[in-house]
N, C-alpha and C. Protein backbone atom coordinates (compact mmCIF):
# COMPACT_ATOMS: atom_id res chain seq x y z
N UNK A 1 -143.20 95.78 -140.15
CA UNK A 1 -142.79 95.80 -141.54
C UNK A 1 -141.79 96.94 -141.70
N UNK A 2 -140.52 96.60 -141.94
CA UNK A 2 -139.51 97.64 -142.10
C UNK A 2 -139.32 97.95 -143.57
N UNK A 3 -139.22 99.23 -143.82
CA UNK A 3 -139.06 99.68 -145.20
C UNK A 3 -137.60 99.95 -145.45
N UNK A 4 -137.03 99.34 -146.48
CA UNK A 4 -135.64 99.55 -146.83
C UNK A 4 -135.59 100.47 -148.03
N UNK A 5 -134.98 101.60 -147.82
CA UNK A 5 -134.85 102.58 -148.89
C UNK A 5 -133.37 102.71 -149.23
N UNK A 6 -133.08 102.58 -150.52
CA UNK A 6 -131.71 102.70 -151.00
C UNK A 6 -131.53 104.04 -151.69
N UNK A 7 -130.41 104.65 -151.42
CA UNK A 7 -130.06 105.92 -152.07
C UNK A 7 -128.99 105.62 -153.10
N UNK A 8 -129.26 105.95 -154.34
CA UNK A 8 -128.34 105.66 -155.43
C UNK A 8 -127.95 106.99 -156.07
N UNK A 9 -126.64 107.16 -156.31
CA UNK A 9 -126.14 108.37 -156.95
C UNK A 9 -125.58 107.99 -158.31
N UNK A 10 -126.09 108.65 -159.36
CA UNK A 10 -125.61 108.38 -160.72
C UNK A 10 -124.18 108.92 -160.84
N UNK A 11 -123.24 108.09 -161.27
CA UNK A 11 -121.85 108.55 -161.39
C UNK A 11 -121.65 109.54 -162.54
N UNK A 12 -122.57 109.55 -163.48
CA UNK A 12 -122.43 110.43 -164.63
C UNK A 12 -123.00 111.83 -164.37
N UNK A 13 -124.22 111.91 -163.92
CA UNK A 13 -124.89 113.20 -163.77
C UNK A 13 -125.12 113.61 -162.32
N UNK A 14 -124.73 112.75 -161.39
CA UNK A 14 -124.85 113.01 -159.95
C UNK A 14 -126.29 113.12 -159.46
N UNK A 15 -127.25 112.61 -160.21
CA UNK A 15 -128.64 112.60 -159.78
C UNK A 15 -128.79 111.57 -158.66
N UNK A 16 -129.55 111.93 -157.64
CA UNK A 16 -129.78 111.03 -156.50
C UNK A 16 -131.17 110.41 -156.68
N UNK A 17 -131.23 109.08 -156.53
CA UNK A 17 -132.49 108.35 -156.68
C UNK A 17 -132.70 107.54 -155.41
N UNK A 18 -133.88 107.64 -154.84
CA UNK A 18 -134.25 106.84 -153.67
C UNK A 18 -135.20 105.75 -154.13
N UNK A 19 -134.84 104.49 -153.85
CA UNK A 19 -135.60 103.34 -154.30
C UNK A 19 -136.07 102.54 -153.09
N UNK A 20 -137.35 102.18 -153.10
CA UNK A 20 -137.92 101.32 -152.06
C UNK A 20 -137.50 99.89 -152.38
N UNK A 21 -136.75 99.27 -151.46
CA UNK A 21 -136.22 97.94 -151.69
C UNK A 21 -137.28 96.86 -151.71
N UNK A 22 -138.35 97.04 -150.98
CA UNK A 22 -139.39 96.02 -150.93
C UNK A 22 -140.29 96.07 -152.15
N UNK A 23 -140.74 97.26 -152.51
CA UNK A 23 -141.65 97.41 -153.65
C UNK A 23 -140.90 97.61 -154.97
N UNK A 24 -139.63 97.87 -154.86
CA UNK A 24 -138.80 98.12 -156.04
C UNK A 24 -139.35 99.24 -156.90
N UNK A 25 -139.66 100.32 -156.23
CA UNK A 25 -140.17 101.51 -156.92
C UNK A 25 -139.33 102.71 -156.56
N UNK A 26 -139.25 103.63 -157.50
CA UNK A 26 -138.53 104.88 -157.25
C UNK A 26 -139.42 105.77 -156.40
N UNK A 27 -138.89 106.17 -155.26
CA UNK A 27 -139.65 107.03 -154.37
C UNK A 27 -139.46 108.51 -154.70
N UNK A 28 -138.22 108.85 -155.01
CA UNK A 28 -137.93 110.27 -155.27
C UNK A 28 -136.63 110.38 -156.04
N UNK A 29 -136.54 111.41 -156.86
CA UNK A 29 -135.29 111.72 -157.55
C UNK A 29 -134.96 113.18 -157.31
N UNK A 30 -133.68 113.45 -157.33
CA UNK A 30 -133.23 114.83 -157.14
C UNK A 30 -132.01 115.06 -158.02
N UNK A 31 -132.16 115.94 -158.97
CA UNK A 31 -131.05 116.24 -159.86
C UNK A 31 -130.03 117.10 -159.13
N UNK A 32 -128.79 116.82 -159.40
CA UNK A 32 -127.71 117.59 -158.79
C UNK A 32 -127.62 118.95 -159.45
N UNK A 33 -127.24 119.93 -158.67
CA UNK A 33 -127.09 121.28 -159.21
C UNK A 33 -125.90 121.29 -160.16
N UNK A 34 -126.12 121.82 -161.33
CA UNK A 34 -125.05 121.89 -162.33
C UNK A 34 -124.10 123.00 -161.97
N UNK A 35 -122.85 122.68 -162.06
CA UNK A 35 -121.82 123.67 -161.80
C UNK A 35 -121.72 124.57 -163.02
N UNK A 36 -121.85 125.85 -162.80
CA UNK A 36 -121.73 126.79 -163.90
C UNK A 36 -120.25 127.01 -164.20
N UNK A 37 -119.95 126.93 -165.47
CA UNK A 37 -118.57 127.09 -165.88
C UNK A 37 -118.29 128.55 -166.20
N UNK A 38 -117.09 128.95 -165.94
CA UNK A 38 -116.72 130.33 -166.23
C UNK A 38 -116.44 130.48 -167.73
N UNK A 39 -116.43 131.69 -168.17
CA UNK A 39 -116.15 131.97 -169.58
C UNK A 39 -114.75 131.49 -169.94
N UNK A 40 -113.81 131.65 -169.02
CA UNK A 40 -112.44 131.20 -169.28
C UNK A 40 -112.39 129.69 -169.49
N UNK A 41 -113.15 128.94 -168.69
CA UNK A 41 -113.20 127.49 -168.84
C UNK A 41 -113.77 127.10 -170.20
N UNK A 42 -114.83 127.77 -170.59
CA UNK A 42 -115.45 127.47 -171.89
C UNK A 42 -114.51 127.80 -173.04
N UNK A 43 -113.81 128.93 -172.93
CA UNK A 43 -112.86 129.30 -173.99
C UNK A 43 -111.71 128.31 -174.05
N UNK A 44 -111.24 127.85 -172.92
CA UNK A 44 -110.17 126.86 -172.89
C UNK A 44 -110.61 125.56 -173.54
N UNK A 45 -111.83 125.12 -173.23
CA UNK A 45 -112.36 123.90 -173.85
C UNK A 45 -112.46 124.05 -175.36
N UNK A 46 -112.92 125.19 -175.82
CA UNK A 46 -113.04 125.42 -177.27
C UNK A 46 -111.67 125.44 -177.94
N UNK A 47 -110.67 126.03 -177.28
CA UNK A 47 -109.32 126.06 -177.83
C UNK A 47 -108.77 124.64 -177.93
N UNK A 48 -108.97 123.83 -176.88
CA UNK A 48 -108.50 122.46 -176.90
C UNK A 48 -109.20 121.66 -178.00
N UNK A 49 -110.48 121.92 -178.17
CA UNK A 49 -111.25 121.24 -179.21
C UNK A 49 -110.72 121.62 -180.60
N UNK A 50 -110.44 122.90 -180.78
CA UNK A 50 -109.92 123.39 -182.05
C UNK A 50 -108.54 122.80 -182.33
N UNK A 51 -107.67 122.77 -181.32
CA UNK A 51 -106.35 122.19 -181.49
C UNK A 51 -106.44 120.71 -181.82
N UNK A 52 -107.37 120.02 -181.19
CA UNK A 52 -107.56 118.60 -181.48
C UNK A 52 -108.02 118.38 -182.91
N UNK A 53 -108.88 119.25 -183.38
CA UNK A 53 -109.36 119.13 -184.77
C UNK A 53 -108.21 119.35 -185.75
N UNK A 54 -107.35 120.34 -185.46
CA UNK A 54 -106.21 120.61 -186.33
C UNK A 54 -105.28 119.40 -186.38
N UNK A 55 -105.04 118.80 -185.24
CA UNK A 55 -104.17 117.62 -185.17
C UNK A 55 -104.77 116.46 -185.95
N UNK A 56 -106.07 116.24 -185.79
CA UNK A 56 -106.74 115.17 -186.53
C UNK A 56 -106.69 115.42 -188.03
N UNK A 57 -106.88 116.69 -188.42
CA UNK A 57 -106.84 117.03 -189.84
C UNK A 57 -105.46 116.74 -190.42
N UNK A 58 -104.41 117.16 -189.69
CA UNK A 58 -103.05 116.92 -190.17
C UNK A 58 -102.75 115.43 -190.28
N UNK A 59 -103.20 114.66 -189.30
CA UNK A 59 -102.98 113.21 -189.34
C UNK A 59 -103.71 112.58 -190.52
N UNK A 60 -104.92 113.04 -190.77
CA UNK A 60 -105.70 112.52 -191.89
C UNK A 60 -105.04 112.88 -193.22
N UNK A 61 -104.56 114.11 -193.33
CA UNK A 61 -103.89 114.54 -194.55
C UNK A 61 -102.63 113.72 -194.79
N UNK A 62 -101.85 113.46 -193.74
CA UNK A 62 -100.64 112.65 -193.88
C UNK A 62 -100.99 111.22 -194.30
N UNK A 63 -102.05 110.68 -193.74
CA UNK A 63 -102.48 109.33 -194.11
C UNK A 63 -102.90 109.27 -195.57
N UNK A 64 -103.62 110.28 -196.02
CA UNK A 64 -104.04 110.33 -197.43
C UNK A 64 -102.83 110.45 -198.36
N UNK A 65 -101.83 111.22 -197.97
CA UNK A 65 -100.61 111.35 -198.79
C UNK A 65 -99.90 110.00 -198.88
N UNK A 66 -99.85 109.28 -197.77
CA UNK A 66 -99.21 107.96 -197.76
C UNK A 66 -99.97 106.98 -198.66
N UNK A 67 -101.29 107.03 -198.59
CA UNK A 67 -102.10 106.16 -199.46
C UNK A 67 -101.87 106.50 -200.92
N UNK A 68 -101.81 107.78 -201.24
CA UNK A 68 -101.57 108.21 -202.61
C UNK A 68 -100.20 107.76 -203.09
N UNK A 69 -99.19 107.86 -202.23
CA UNK A 69 -97.84 107.43 -202.58
C UNK A 69 -97.81 105.94 -202.89
N UNK A 70 -98.48 105.13 -202.03
CA UNK A 70 -98.51 103.68 -202.26
C UNK A 70 -99.26 103.34 -203.54
N UNK A 71 -100.34 104.06 -203.81
CA UNK A 71 -101.10 103.82 -205.03
C UNK A 71 -100.25 104.14 -206.26
N UNK A 72 -99.50 105.25 -206.20
CA UNK A 72 -98.62 105.60 -207.34
C UNK A 72 -97.55 104.55 -207.55
N UNK A 73 -96.97 104.04 -206.44
CA UNK A 73 -95.95 103.00 -206.56
C UNK A 73 -96.52 101.75 -207.21
N UNK A 74 -97.70 101.34 -206.81
CA UNK A 74 -98.34 100.16 -207.40
C UNK A 74 -98.67 100.40 -208.87
N UNK A 75 -99.12 101.63 -209.17
CA UNK A 75 -99.45 101.98 -210.55
C UNK A 75 -98.20 101.92 -211.42
N UNK A 76 -97.10 102.52 -210.93
CA UNK A 76 -95.84 102.51 -211.69
C UNK A 76 -95.31 101.09 -211.84
N UNK A 77 -95.45 100.27 -210.80
CA UNK A 77 -94.99 98.90 -210.86
C UNK A 77 -95.80 98.10 -211.89
N UNK A 78 -97.11 98.34 -211.91
CA UNK A 78 -97.97 97.63 -212.86
C UNK A 78 -97.63 98.02 -214.29
N UNK A 79 -97.40 99.30 -214.55
CA UNK A 79 -97.04 99.73 -215.90
C UNK A 79 -95.63 99.30 -216.26
N UNK A 80 -94.75 99.21 -215.29
CA UNK A 80 -93.38 98.76 -215.53
C UNK A 80 -93.37 97.32 -216.00
N UNK A 81 -94.19 96.50 -215.39
CA UNK A 81 -94.25 95.11 -215.80
C UNK A 81 -94.88 94.97 -217.18
N UNK A 82 -95.83 95.83 -217.50
CA UNK A 82 -96.51 95.75 -218.79
C UNK A 82 -95.56 96.14 -219.92
N UNK A 83 -94.71 97.16 -219.66
CA UNK A 83 -93.76 97.60 -220.66
C UNK A 83 -92.70 96.55 -220.94
N UNK A 84 -92.31 95.75 -219.92
CA UNK A 84 -91.33 94.71 -220.10
C UNK A 84 -91.85 93.56 -220.95
N UNK A 85 -93.19 93.30 -220.90
CA UNK A 85 -93.77 92.18 -221.64
C UNK A 85 -93.88 92.52 -223.08
């Protein structure tokens, strides 16, 4: 009776799982060692996150201005037609 054991590595967290192919049971798991990030890496990530938020805010503000402009045009057009009648 040969035992077939499969080794599976999670692409997301790098955890290794050994599965018995015949019984279809997990035999063992081993979490991958987490890489410690340096303070510079963390600060860079936070700066990128902050810059991304600023860009999103500006885009949202521009979109709201455009919506307001279109609403005013429709409002003026509606009152313009009412005044003509």
